[in-house]
Amino acid sequence: MEARATAKFVRMSPRKVRQVVDLIRGKDVEESLNALQFMKRAARVPVEKTLRSAVANVFNNDPEAAHIEPSDLYIKEAFVDEGPTMKRFRPRAMGRATMIRKRTSHITVVVGAKADK
């Protein structure tokens, strides 16, 4: 049994979000939430929100999940894909302009029961 949650168009660079996701991949849900709570990175907020959504999806989407404890869940998959990039321009010296890329991320978290391992 597994459940998935996706956060799309998160206004943060995928590289920054991947640093946080790499720390929680494969761990227990409770351990991951505890680690995210004390992390000093801005990307922890959307990642934590997506993880909590995936855990909620386990219990809301599957009627057989009533007997599963939240402590029996682990992060089966977690990955970050690049979303669309907004392009903006800044004035530079001698009449030139430089493109500024405002990147976005798509965060996906898949949570599964430990019995499925």
PDB file of N, CA and C in Angstrom:
ATOM      1  N   MET A   1       0.841  -1.168   0.000  1.00  0.00           N
ATOM      2  CA  MET A   1       0.000   0.000   0.000  1.00  0.00           C
ATOM      3  C   MET A   1       0.889   1.236   0.000  1.00  0.00           C
ATOM      4  N   GLU A   2       0.534   2.173  -0.839  1.00  0.00           N
ATOM      5  CA  GLU A   2       1.290   3.406  -0.911  1.00  0.00           C
ATOM      6  C   GLU A   2       0.387   4.563  -1.290  1.00  0.00           C
ATOM      7  N   ALA A   3       0.836   5.760  -0.981  1.00  0.00           N
ATOM      8  CA  ALA A   3       0.111   6.983  -1.335  1.00  0.00           C
ATOM      9  C   ALA A   3       1.126   8.013  -1.804  1.00  0.00           C
ATOM     10  N   ARG A   4       0.663   8.884  -2.666  1.00  0.00           N
ATOM     11  CA  ARG A   4       1.534   9.861  -3.315  1.00  0.00           C
ATOM     12  C   ARG A   4       0.977  11.266  -3.098  1.00  0.00           C
ATOM     13  N   ALA A   5       1.865  12.217  -2.979  1.00  0.00           N
ATOM     14  CA  ALA A   5       1.485  13.634  -2.917  1.00  0.00           C
ATOM     15  C   ALA A   5       2.473  14.426  -3.768  1.00  0.00           C
ATOM     16  N   THR A   6       1.965  15.425  -4.464  1.00  0.00           N
ATOM     17  CA  THR A   6       2.792  16.241  -5.344  1.00  0.00           C
ATOM     18  C   THR A   6       2.521  17.711  -5.085  1.00  0.00           C
ATOM     19  N   ALA A   7       3.568  18.483  -4.954  1.00  0.00           N
ATOM     20  CA  ALA A   7       3.470  19.941  -4.863  1.00  0.00           C
ATOM     21  C   ALA A   7       4.085  20.492  -6.139  1.00  0.00           C
ATOM     22  N   LYS A   8       3.276  21.181  -6.919  1.00  0.00           N
ATOM     23  CA  LYS A   8       3.758  21.685  -8.203  1.00  0.00           C
ATOM     24  C   LYS A   8       3.966  23.191  -8.158  1.00  0.00           C
ATOM     25  N   PHE A   9       4.857  23.656  -8.998  1.00  0.00           N
ATOM     26  CA  PHE A   9       5.139  25.076  -9.191  1.00  0.00           C
ATOM     27  C   PHE A   9       5.592  25.755  -7.896  1.00  0.00           C
ATOM     28  N   VAL A  10       6.397  25.059  -7.107  1.00  0.00           N
ATOM     29  CA  VAL A  10       6.964  25.641  -5.890  1.00  0.00           C
ATOM     30  C   VAL A  10       8.058  26.615  -6.324  1.00  0.00           C
ATOM     31  N   ARG A  11       7.961  27.869  -5.886  1.00  0.00           N
ATOM     32  CA  ARG A  11       8.876  28.909  -6.337  1.00  0.00           C
ATOM     33  C   ARG A  11      10.219  28.812  -5.618  1.00  0.00           C
ATOM     34  N   MET A  12      10.941  27.753  -5.926  1.00  0.00           N
ATOM     35  CA  MET A  12      12.251  27.530  -5.340  1.00  0.00           C
ATOM     36  C   MET A  12      13.057  26.695  -6.324  1.00  0.00           C
ATOM     37  N   SER A  13      14.327  26.914  -6.344  1.00  0.00           N
ATOM     38  CA  SER A  13      15.195  26.197  -7.261  1.00  0.00           C
ATOM     39  C   SER A  13      15.197  24.698  -6.941  1.00  0.00           C
ATOM     40  N   PRO A  14      15.109  23.829  -7.949  1.00  0.00           N
ATOM     41  CA  PRO A  14      15.123  22.387  -7.705  1.00  0.00           C
ATOM     42  C   PRO A  14      16.388  21.921  -6.991  1.00  0.00           C
ATOM     43  N   ARG A  15      17.494  22.565  -7.240  1.00  0.00           N
ATOM     44  CA  ARG A  15      18.746  22.181  -6.595  1.00  0.00           C
ATOM     45  C   ARG A  15      18.658  22.365  -5.078  1.00  0.00           C
ATOM     46  N   LYS A  16      18.051  23.454  -4.641  1.00  0.00           N
ATOM     47  CA  LYS A  16      17.913  23.726  -3.214  1.00  0.00           C
ATOM     48  C   LYS A  16      16.946  22.738  -2.560  1.00  0.00           C
ATOM     49  N   VAL A  17      15.874  22.404  -3.271  1.00  0.00           N
ATOM     50  CA  VAL A  17      14.882  21.483  -2.717  1.00  0.00           C
ATOM     51  C   VAL A  17      15.441  20.070  -2.662  1.00  0.00           C
ATOM     52  N   ARG A  18      16.241  19.687  -3.655  1.00  0.00           N
ATOM     53  CA  ARG A  18      16.837  18.339  -3.675  1.00  0.00           C
ATOM     54  C   ARG A  18      17.751  18.108  -2.479  1.00  0.00           C
ATOM     55  N   GLN A  19      18.419  19.148  -2.002  1.00  0.00           N
ATOM     56  CA  GLN A  19      19.292  19.003  -0.842  1.00  0.00           C
ATOM     57  C   GLN A  19      18.500  18.559   0.385  1.00  0.00           C
ATOM     58  N   VAL A  20      17.269  19.052   0.520  1.00  0.00           N
ATOM     59  CA  VAL A  20      16.425  18.675   1.658  1.00  0.00           C
ATOM     60  C   VAL A  20      15.828  17.289   1.433  1.00  0.00           C
ATOM     61  N   VAL A  21      15.351  17.021   0.228  1.00  0.00           N
ATOM     62  CA  VAL A  21      14.704  15.746  -0.078  1.00  0.00           C
ATOM     63  C   VAL A  21      15.699  14.595   0.054  1.00  0.00           C
ATOM     64  N   ASP A  22      16.956  14.820  -0.308  1.00  0.00           N
ATOM     65  CA  ASP A  22      17.968  13.769  -0.199  1.00  0.00           C
ATOM     66  C   ASP A  22      18.193  13.333   1.245  1.00  0.00           C
ATOM     67  N   LEU A  23      17.941  14.221   2.199  1.00  0.00           N
ATOM     68  CA  LEU A  23      18.155  13.899   3.610  1.00  0.00           C
ATOM     69  C   LEU A  23      17.053  13.019   4.201  1.00  0.00           C
ATOM     70  N   ILE A  24      15.864  13.033   3.583  1.00  0.00           N
ATOM     71  CA  ILE A  24      14.744  12.280   4.173  1.00  0.00           C
ATOM     72  C   ILE A  24      14.368  11.035   3.383  1.00  0.00           C
ATOM     73  N   ARG A  25      14.888  10.878   2.196  1.00  0.00           N
ATOM     74  CA  ARG A  25      14.516   9.747   1.336  1.00  0.00           C
ATOM     75  C   ARG A  25      14.846   8.419   2.009  1.00  0.00           C
ATOM     76  N   GLY A  26      13.863   7.504   2.066  1.00  0.00           N
ATOM     77  CA  GLY A  26      14.069   6.169   2.613  1.00  0.00           C
ATOM     78  C   GLY A  26      13.913   6.064   4.114  1.00  0.00           C
ATOM     79  N   LYS A  27      13.694   7.160   4.813  1.00  0.00           N
ATOM     80  CA  LYS A  27      13.581   7.125   6.267  1.00  0.00           C
ATOM     81  C   LYS A  27      12.126   6.949   6.704  1.00  0.00           C
ATOM     82  N   ASP A  28      11.935   6.689   7.999  1.00  0.00           N
ATOM     83  CA  ASP A  28      10.590   6.631   8.571  1.00  0.00           C
ATOM     84  C   ASP A  28       9.954   8.013   8.516  1.00  0.00           C
ATOM     85  N   VAL A  29       8.625   8.034   8.457  1.00  0.00           N
ATOM     86  CA  VAL A  29       7.907   9.299   8.358  1.00  0.00           C
ATOM     87  C   VAL A  29       8.116  10.142   9.614  1.00  0.00           C
ATOM     88  N   GLU A  30       8.007   9.527  10.790  1.00  0.00           N
ATOM     89  CA  GLU A  30       8.172  10.288  12.035  1.00  0.00           C
ATOM     90  C   GLU A  30       9.586  10.859  12.149  1.00  0.00           C
ATOM     91  N   GLU A  31      10.572  10.059  11.792  1.00  0.00           N
ATOM     92  CA  GLU A  31      11.962  10.508  11.836  1.00  0.00           C
ATOM     93  C   GLU A  31      12.185  11.661  10.855  1.00  0.00           C
ATOM     94  N   SER A  32      11.576  11.573   9.681  1.00  0.00           N
ATOM     95  CA  SER A  32      11.728  12.613   8.667  1.00  0.00           C
ATOM     96  C   SER A  32      11.060  13.909   9.090  1.00  0.00           C
ATOM     97  N   LEU A  33       9.852  13.810   9.637  1.00  0.00           N
ATOM     98  CA  LEU A  33       9.155  15.020  10.095  1.00  0.00           C
ATOM     99  C   LEU A  33       9.935  15.700  11.216  1.00  0.00           C
ATOM    100  N   ASN A  34      10.522  14.908  12.094  1.00  0.00           N
ATOM    101  CA  ASN A  34      11.323  15.469  13.177  1.00  0.00           C
ATOM    102  C   ASN A  34      12.563  16.167  12.618  1.00  0.00           C
ATOM    103  N   ALA A  35      13.204  15.554  11.648  1.00  0.00           N
ATOM    104  CA  ALA A  35      14.396  16.162  11.042  1.00  0.00           C
ATOM    105  C   ALA A  35      14.037  17.451  10.305  1.00  0.00           C
ATOM    106  N   LEU A  36      12.912  17.446   9.598  1.00  0.00           N
ATOM    107  CA  LEU A  36      12.490  18.637   8.856  1.00  0.00           C
ATOM    108  C   LEU A  36      12.148  19.792   9.798  1.00  0.00           C
ATOM    109  N   GLN A  37      11.604  19.467  10.949  1.00  0.00           N
ATOM    110  CA  GLN A  37      11.188  20.507  11.891  1.00  0.00           C
ATOM    111  C   GLN A  37      12.380  21.343  12.370  1.00  0.00           C
ATOM    112  N   PHE A  38      13.545  20.718  12.502  1.00  0.00           N
ATOM    113  CA  PHE A  38      14.709  21.416  13.029  1.00  0.00           C
ATOM    114  C   PHE A  38      15.715  21.829  11.965  1.00  0.00           C
ATOM    115  N   MET A  39      15.357  21.675  10.694  1.00  0.00           N
ATOM    116  CA  MET A  39      16.244  22.037   9.605  1.00  0.00           C
ATOM    117  C   MET A  39      16.205  23.549   9.365  1.00  0.00           C
ATOM    118  N   LYS A  40      17.341  24.126   9.013  1.00  0.00           N
ATOM    119  CA  LYS A  40      17.416  25.572   8.789  1.00  0.00           C
ATOM    120  C   LYS A  40      17.474  25.886   7.298  1.00  0.00           C
ATOM    121  N   ARG A  41      16.601  25.310   6.543  1.00  0.00           N
ATOM    122  CA  ARG A  41      16.542  25.575   5.112  1.00  0.00           C
ATOM    123  C   ARG A  41      15.130  25.972   4.740  1.00  0.00           C
ATOM    124  N   ALA A  42      15.014  26.910   3.819  1.00  0.00           N
ATOM    125  CA  ALA A  42      13.694  27.390   3.408  1.00  0.00           C
ATOM    126  C   ALA A  42      12.905  26.300   2.683  1.00  0.00           C
ATOM    127  N   ALA A  43      13.599  25.377   2.034  1.00  0.00           N
ATOM    128  CA  ALA A  43      12.942  24.317   1.268  1.00  0.00           C
ATOM    129  C   ALA A  43      12.261  23.301   2.164  1.00  0.00           C
ATOM    130  N   ARG A  44      12.535  23.312   3.463  1.00  0.00           N
ATOM    131  CA  ARG A  44      11.924  22.342   4.364  1.00  0.00           C
ATOM    132  C   ARG A  44      10.410  22.532   4.447  1.00  0.00           C
ATOM    133  N   VAL A  45       9.916  23.754   4.287  1.00  0.00           N
ATOM    134  CA  VAL A  45       8.488  24.038   4.436  1.00  0.00           C
ATOM    135  C   VAL A  45       7.657  23.337   3.354  1.00  0.00           C
ATOM    136  N   PRO A  46       7.937  23.522   2.057  1.00  0.00           N
ATOM    137  CA  PRO A  46       7.135  22.803   1.060  1.00  0.00           C
ATOM    138  C   PRO A  46       7.338  21.287   1.093  1.00  0.00           C
ATOM    139  N   VAL A  47       8.541  20.834   1.464  1.00  0.00           N
ATOM    140  CA  VAL A  47       8.792  19.392   1.539  1.00  0.00           C
ATOM    141  C   VAL A  47       7.988  18.785   2.691  1.00  0.00           C
ATOM    142  N   GLU A  48       7.967  19.452   3.831  1.00  0.00           N
ATOM    143  CA  GLU A  48       7.202  18.962   4.982  1.00  0.00           C
ATOM    144  C   GLU A  48       5.708  18.942   4.671  1.00  0.00           C
ATOM    145  N   LYS A  49       5.248  19.968   4.004  1.00  0.00           N
ATOM    146  CA  LYS A  49       3.837  20.048   3.636  1.00  0.00           C
ATOM    147  C   LYS A  49       3.443  18.910   2.695  1.00  0.00           C
ATOM    148  N   THR A  50       4.298  18.608   1.740  1.00  0.00           N
ATOM    149  CA  THR A  50       4.038  17.528   0.800  1.00  0.00           C
ATOM    150  C   THR A  50       4.073  16.173   1.499  1.00  0.00           C
ATOM    151  N   LEU A  51       5.008  15.991   2.427  1.00  0.00           N
ATOM    152  CA  LEU A  51       5.097  14.740   3.182  1.00  0.00           C
ATOM    153  C   LEU A  51       3.848  14.524   4.034  1.00  0.00           C
ATOM    154  N   ARG A  52       3.397  15.565   4.718  1.00  0.00           N
ATOM    155  CA  ARG A  52       2.179  15.450   5.530  1.00  0.00           C
ATOM    156  C   ARG A  52       0.956  15.134   4.663  1.00  0.00           C
ATOM    157  N   SER A  53       0.926  15.688   3.462  1.00  0.00           N
ATOM    158  CA  SER A  53      -0.167  15.408   2.532  1.00  0.00           C
ATOM    159  C   SER A  53      -0.149  13.951   2.087  1.00  0.00           C
ATOM    160  N   ALA A  54       1.032  13.407   1.834  1.00  0.00           N
ATOM    161  CA  ALA A  54       1.147  12.006   1.420  1.00  0.00           C
ATOM    162  C   ALA A  54       0.683  11.073   2.530  1.00  0.00           C
ATOM    163  N   VAL A  55       1.036  11.400   3.785  1.00  0.00           N
ATOM    164  CA  VAL A  55       0.599  10.580   4.923  1.00  0.00           C
ATOM    165  C   VAL A  55      -0.920  10.639   5.052  1.00  0.00           C
ATOM    166  N   ALA A  56      -1.494  11.820   4.877  1.00  0.00           N
ATOM    167  CA  ALA A  56      -2.954  11.962   4.950  1.00  0.00           C
ATOM    168  C   ALA A  56      -3.633  11.184   3.826  1.00  0.00           C
ATOM    169  N   ASN A  57      -2.996  11.134   2.657  1.00  0.00           N
ATOM    170  CA  ASN A  57      -3.561  10.396   1.526  1.00  0.00           C
ATOM    171  C   ASN A  57      -3.617   8.895   1.790  1.00  0.00           C
ATOM    172  N   VAL A  58      -2.685   8.382   2.580  1.00  0.00           N
ATOM    173  CA  VAL A  58      -2.704   6.957   2.918  1.00  0.00           C
ATOM    174  C   VAL A  58      -4.020   6.609   3.610  1.00  0.00           C
ATOM    175  N   PHE A  59      -4.417   7.436   4.572  1.00  0.00           N
ATOM    176  CA  PHE A  59      -5.599   7.139   5.375  1.00  0.00           C
ATOM    177  C   PHE A  59      -6.905   7.551   4.692  1.00  0.00           C
ATOM    178  N   ASN A  60      -6.862   8.541   3.807  1.00  0.00           N
ATOM    179  CA  ASN A  60      -8.082   9.005   3.144  1.00  0.00           C
ATOM    180  C   ASN A  60      -8.435   8.217   1.888  1.00  0.00           C
ATOM    181  N   ASN A  61      -7.424   7.721   1.187  1.00  0.00           N
ATOM    182  CA  ASN A  61      -7.677   7.096  -0.113  1.00  0.00           C
ATOM    183  C   ASN A  61      -7.872   5.590  -0.052  1.00  0.00           C
ATOM    184  N   ASP A  62      -7.440   4.944   1.038  1.00  0.00           N
ATOM    185  CA  ASP A  62      -7.517   3.494   1.113  1.00  0.00           C
ATOM    186  C   ASP A  62      -8.313   3.078   2.346  1.00  0.00           C
ATOM    187  N   PRO A  63      -9.452   2.407   2.168  1.00  0.00           N
ATOM    188  CA  PRO A  63     -10.246   1.998   3.329  1.00  0.00           C
ATOM    189  C   PRO A  63      -9.561   0.947   4.191  1.00  0.00           C
ATOM    190  N   GLU A  64      -8.611   0.193   3.639  1.00  0.00           N
ATOM    191  CA  GLU A  64      -7.896  -0.825   4.398  1.00  0.00           C
ATOM    192  C   GLU A  64      -6.799  -0.235   5.282  1.00  0.00           C
ATOM    193  N   ALA A  65      -6.567   1.077   5.195  1.00  0.00           N
ATOM    194  CA  ALA A  65      -5.474   1.700   5.928  1.00  0.00           C
ATOM    195  C   ALA A  65      -5.827   2.003   7.380  1.00  0.00           C
ATOM    196  N   ALA A  66      -7.031   1.639   7.813  1.00  0.00           N
ATOM    197  CA  ALA A  66      -7.441   1.950   9.181  1.00  0.00           C
ATOM    198  C   ALA A  66      -6.584   1.211  10.209  1.00  0.00           C
ATOM    199  N   HIS A  67      -6.080   0.037   9.858  1.00  0.00           N
ATOM    200  CA  HIS A  67      -5.290  -0.739  10.812  1.00  0.00           C
ATOM    201  C   HIS A  67      -3.805  -0.357  10.824  1.00  0.00           C
ATOM    202  N   ILE A  68      -3.391   0.550   9.939  1.00  0.00           N
ATOM    203  CA  ILE A  68      -1.987   0.952   9.863  1.00  0.00           C
ATOM    204  C   ILE A  68      -1.733   2.130  10.803  1.00  0.00           C
ATOM    205  N   GLU A  69      -0.642   2.044  11.542  1.00  0.00           N
ATOM    206  CA  GLU A  69      -0.214   3.137  12.418  1.00  0.00           C
ATOM    207  C   GLU A  69       0.666   4.094  11.614  1.00  0.00           C
ATOM    208  N   PRO A  70       0.617   5.388  11.909  1.00  0.00           N
ATOM    209  CA  PRO A  70       1.508   6.320  11.206  1.00  0.00           C
ATOM    210  C   PRO A  70       2.987   5.992  11.413  1.00  0.00           C
ATOM    211  N   SER A  71       3.316   5.328  12.520  1.00  0.00           N
ATOM    212  CA  SER A  71       4.714   4.967  12.763  1.00  0.00           C
ATOM    213  C   SER A  71       5.181   3.817  11.867  1.00  0.00           C
ATOM    214  N   ASP A  72       4.243   3.133  11.188  1.00  0.00           N
ATOM    215  CA  ASP A  72       4.588   2.031  10.296  1.00  0.00           C
ATOM    216  C   ASP A  72       4.843   2.488   8.864  1.00  0.00           C
ATOM    217  N   LEU A  73       4.894   3.791   8.637  1.00  0.00           N
ATOM    218  CA  LEU A  73       5.078   4.324   7.292  1.00  0.00           C
ATOM    219  C   LEU A  73       6.514   4.792   7.091  1.00  0.00           C
ATOM    220  N   TYR A  74       6.988   4.669   5.865  1.00  0.00           N
ATOM    221  CA  TYR A  74       8.304   5.184   5.504  1.00  0.00           C
ATOM    222  C   TYR A  74       8.218   5.853   4.135  1.00  0.00           C
ATOM    223  N   ILE A  75       9.214   6.641   3.817  1.00  0.00           N
ATOM    224  CA  ILE A  75       9.240   7.360   2.541  1.00  0.00           C
ATOM    225  C   ILE A  75       9.819   6.428   1.492  1.00  0.00           C
ATOM    226  N   LYS A  76       8.940   5.934   0.630  1.00  0.00           N
ATOM    227  CA  LYS A  76       9.317   4.966  -0.396  1.00  0.00           C
ATOM    228  C   LYS A  76      10.091   5.647  -1.528  1.00  0.00           C
ATOM    229  N   GLU A  77       9.572   6.790  -1.963  1.00  0.00           N
ATOM    230  CA  GLU A  77      10.206   7.570  -3.026  1.00  0.00           C
ATOM    231  C   GLU A  77      10.064   9.044  -2.683  1.00  0.00           C
ATOM    232  N   ALA A  78      11.028   9.820  -3.047  1.00  0.00           N
ATOM    233  CA  ALA A  78      10.947  11.275  -2.930  1.00  0.00           C
ATOM    234  C   ALA A  78      11.862  11.864  -3.988  1.00  0.00           C
ATOM    235  N   PHE A  79      11.305  12.692  -4.844  1.00  0.00           N
ATOM    236  CA  PHE A  79      12.132  13.293  -5.887  1.00  0.00           C
ATOM    237  C   PHE A  79      11.617  14.673  -6.245  1.00  0.00           C
ATOM    238  N   VAL A  80      12.484  15.438  -6.877  1.00  0.00           N
ATOM    239  CA  VAL A  80      12.176  16.813  -7.270  1.00  0.00           C
ATOM    240  C   VAL A  80      12.451  16.952  -8.754  1.00  0.00           C
ATOM    241  N   ASP A  81      11.459  17.423  -9.481  1.00  0.00           N
ATOM    242  CA  ASP A  81      11.616  17.695 -10.899  1.00  0.00           C
ATOM    243  C   ASP A  81      11.599  19.199 -11.125  1.00  0.00           C
ATOM    244  N   GLU A  82      12.177  19.612 -12.231  1.00  0.00           N
ATOM    245  CA  GLU A  82      12.206  21.033 -12.550  1.00  0.00           C
ATOM    246  C   GLU A  82      10.899  21.444 -13.204  1.00  0.00           C
ATOM    247  N   GLY A  83      10.338  22.526 -12.733  1.00  0.00           N
ATOM    248  CA  GLY A  83       9.121  23.077 -13.322  1.00  0.00           C
ATOM    249  C   GLY A  83       9.489  24.138 -14.352  1.00  0.00           C
ATOM    250  N   PRO A  84       8.496  24.897 -14.812  1.00  0.00           N
ATOM    251  CA  PRO A  84       8.799  25.950 -15.781  1.00  0.00           C
ATOM    252  C   PRO A  84       9.625  27.070 -15.147  1.00  0.00           C
ATOM    253  N   THR A  85      10.447  27.697 -15.944  1.00  0.00           N
ATOM    254  CA  THR A  85      11.295  28.787 -15.481  1.00  0.00           C
ATOM    255  C   THR A  85      10.741  30.110 -15.990  1.00  0.00           C
ATOM    256  N   MET A  86      10.526  31.043 -15.065  1.00  0.00           N
ATOM    257  CA  MET A  86      10.097  32.387 -15.454  1.00  0.00           C
ATOM    258  C   MET A  86      11.343  33.187 -15.806  1.00  0.00           C
ATOM    259  N   LYS A  87      11.307  33.909 -16.907  1.00  0.00           N
ATOM    260  CA  LYS A  87      12.459  34.671 -17.342  1.00  0.00           C
ATOM    261  C   LYS A  87      12.188  36.158 -17.156  1.00  0.00           C
ATOM    262  N   ARG A  88      13.097  36.821 -16.437  1.00  0.00           N
ATOM    263  CA  ARG A  88      12.999  38.246 -16.177  1.00  0.00           C
ATOM    264  C   ARG A  88      14.311  38.887 -16.614  1.00  0.00           C
ATOM    265  N   PHE A  89      14.299  40.189 -16.836  1.00  0.00           N
ATOM    266  CA  PHE A  89      15.496  40.883 -17.294  1.00  0.00           C
ATOM    267  C   PHE A  89      15.857  42.016 -16.358  1.00  0.00           C
ATOM    268  N   ARG A  90      17.172  42.177 -16.124  1.00  0.00           N
ATOM    269  CA  ARG A  90      17.696  43.231 -15.275  1.00  0.00           C
ATOM    270  C   ARG A  90      18.597  44.127 -16.127  1.00  0.00           C
ATOM    271  N   PRO A  91      18.519  45.422 -15.910  1.00  0.00           N
ATOM    272  CA  PRO A  91      19.432  46.313 -16.642  1.00  0.00           C
ATOM    273  C   PRO A  91      20.868  46.144 -16.147  1.00  0.00           C
ATOM    274  N   ARG A  92      21.813  46.203 -17.073  1.00  0.00           N
ATOM    275  CA  ARG A  92      23.223  46.079 -16.749  1.00  0.00           C
ATOM    276  C   ARG A  92      23.991  47.259 -17.356  1.00  0.00           C
ATOM    277  N   ALA A  93      25.271  47.231 -17.214  1.00  0.00           N
ATOM    278  CA  ALA A  93      26.108  48.341 -17.669  1.00  0.00           C
ATOM    279  C   ALA A  93      26.080  48.491 -19.186  1.00  0.00           C
ATOM    280  N   MET A  94      26.292  49.695 -19.636  1.00  0.00           N
ATOM    281  CA  MET A  94      26.403  50.062 -21.054  1.00  0.00           C
ATOM    282  C   MET A  94      25.162  49.653 -21.856  1.00  0.00           C
ATOM    283  N   GLY A  95      23.978  49.771 -21.277  1.00  0.00           N
ATOM    284  CA  GLY A  95      22.733  49.552 -21.998  1.00  0.00           C
ATOM    285  C   GLY A  95      22.367  48.101 -22.229  1.00  0.00           C
ATOM    286  N   ARG A  96      23.063  47.196 -21.607  1.00  0.00           N
ATOM    287  CA  ARG A  96      22.769  45.783 -21.806  1.00  0.00           C
ATOM    288  C   ARG A  96      21.699  45.324 -20.816  1.00  0.00           C
ATOM    289  N   ALA A  97      21.199  44.130 -21.055  1.00  0.00           N
ATOM    290  CA  ALA A  97      20.251  43.495 -20.133  1.00  0.00           C
ATOM    291  C   ALA A  97      20.692  42.053 -19.911  1.00  0.00           C
ATOM    292  N   THR A  98      20.476  41.564 -18.701  1.00  0.00           N
ATOM    293  CA  THR A  98      20.834  40.194 -18.357  1.00  0.00           C
ATOM    294  C   THR A  98      19.585  39.448 -17.937  1.00  0.00           C
ATOM    295  N   MET A  99      19.476  38.201 -18.376  1.00  0.00           N
ATOM    296  CA  MET A  99      18.302  37.405 -18.034  1.00  0.00           C
ATOM    297  C   MET A  99      18.455  36.823 -16.637  1.00  0.00           C
ATOM    298  N   ILE A 100      17.416  36.945 -15.848  1.00  0.00           N
ATOM    299  CA  ILE A 100      17.335  36.335 -14.528  1.00  0.00           C
ATOM    300  C   ILE A 100      16.339  35.190 -14.641  1.00  0.00           C
ATOM    301  N   ARG A 101      16.736  34.005 -14.204  1.00  0.00           N
ATOM    302  CA  ARG A 101      15.854  32.836 -14.270  1.00  0.00           C
ATOM    303  C   ARG A 101      15.248  32.584 -12.903  1.00  0.00           C
ATOM    304  N   LYS A 102      13.942  32.625 -12.817  1.00  0.00           N
ATOM    305  CA  LYS A 102      13.241  32.318 -11.569  1.00  0.00           C
ATOM    306  C   LYS A 102      12.697  30.900 -11.708  1.00  0.00           C
ATOM    307  N   ARG A 103      13.380  29.976 -11.082  1.00  0.00           N
ATOM    308  CA  ARG A 103      13.091  28.559 -11.280  1.00  0.00           C
ATOM    309  C   ARG A 103      11.973  28.075 -10.366  1.00  0.00           C
ATOM    310  N   THR A 104      11.283  27.021 -10.813  1.00  0.00           N
ATOM    311  CA  THR A 104      10.240  26.395 -10.009  1.00  0.00           C
ATOM    312  C   THR A 104      10.513  24.895  -9.917  1.00  0.00           C
ATOM    313  N   SER A 105       9.875  24.262  -8.918  1.00  0.00           N
ATOM    314  CA  SER A 105      10.094  22.839  -8.666  1.00  0.00           C
ATOM    315  C   SER A 105       8.772  22.107  -8.556  1.00  0.00           C
ATOM    316  N   HIS A 106       8.797  20.827  -8.901  1.00  0.00           N
ATOM    317  CA  HIS A 106       7.691  19.913  -8.644  1.00  0.00           C
ATOM    318  C   HIS A 106       8.210  18.863  -7.662  1.00  0.00           C
ATOM    319  N   ILE A 107       7.626  18.825  -6.454  1.00  0.00           N
ATOM    320  CA  ILE A 107       8.070  17.905  -5.410  1.00  0.00           C
ATOM    321  C   ILE A 107       7.097  16.739  -5.341  1.00  0.00           C
ATOM    322  N   THR A 108       7.593  15.516  -5.390  1.00  0.00           N
ATOM    323  CA  THR A 108       6.762  14.313  -5.281  1.00  0.00           C
ATOM    324  C   THR A 108       7.284  13.439  -4.153  1.00  0.00           C
ATOM    325  N   VAL A 109       6.353  13.032  -3.282  1.00  0.00           N
ATOM    326  CA  VAL A 109       6.695  12.150  -2.165  1.00  0.00           C
ATOM    327  C   VAL A 109       5.748  10.957  -2.198  1.00  0.00           C
ATOM    328  N   VAL A 110       6.304   9.740  -2.161  1.00  0.00           N
ATOM    329  CA  VAL A 110       5.517   8.503  -2.111  1.00  0.00           C
ATOM    330  C   VAL A 110       5.791   7.833  -0.765  1.00  0.00           C
ATOM    331  N   VAL A 111       4.709   7.561  -0.025  1.00  0.00           N
ATOM    332  CA  VAL A 111       4.815   6.966   1.296  1.00  0.00           C
ATOM    333  C   VAL A 111       4.248   5.552   1.216  1.00  0.00           C
ATOM    334  N   GLY A 112       4.935   4.588   1.831  1.00  0.00           N
ATOM    335  CA  GLY A 112       4.478   3.204   1.839  1.00  0.00           C
ATOM    336  C   GLY A 112       4.556   2.613   3.236  1.00  0.00           C
ATOM    337  N   ALA A 113       3.878   1.491   3.427  1.00  0.00           N
ATOM    338  CA  ALA A 113       3.917   0.791   4.711  1.00  0.00           C
ATOM    339  C   ALA A 113       5.172  -0.067   4.769  1.00  0.00           C
ATOM    340  N   LYS A 114       5.712  -0.239   5.963  1.00  0.00           N
ATOM    341  CA  LYS A 114       6.941  -1.023   6.117  1.00  0.00           C
ATOM    342  C   LYS A 114       6.735  -2.480   5.763  1.00  0.00           C
ATOM    343  N   ALA A 115       5.519  -2.980   5.866  1.00  0.00           N
ATOM    344  CA  ALA A 115       5.244  -4.377   5.521  1.00  0.00           C
ATOM    345  C   ALA A 115       5.442  -4.626   4.021  1.00  0.00           C
ATOM    346  N   ASP A 116       5.346  -3.561   3.222  1.00  0.00           N
ATOM    347  CA  ASP A 116       5.502  -3.686   1.767  1.00  0.00           C
ATOM    348  C   ASP A 116       6.954  -3.782   1.343  1.00  0.00           C
ATOM    349  N   LYS A 117       7.896  -3.496   2.225  1.00  0.00           N
ATOM    350  CA  LYS A 117       9.323  -3.473   1.861  1.00  0.00           C
ATOM    351  C   LYS A 117       9.785  -4.766   1.243  1.00  0.00           C
TER     352      LYS A 117
END
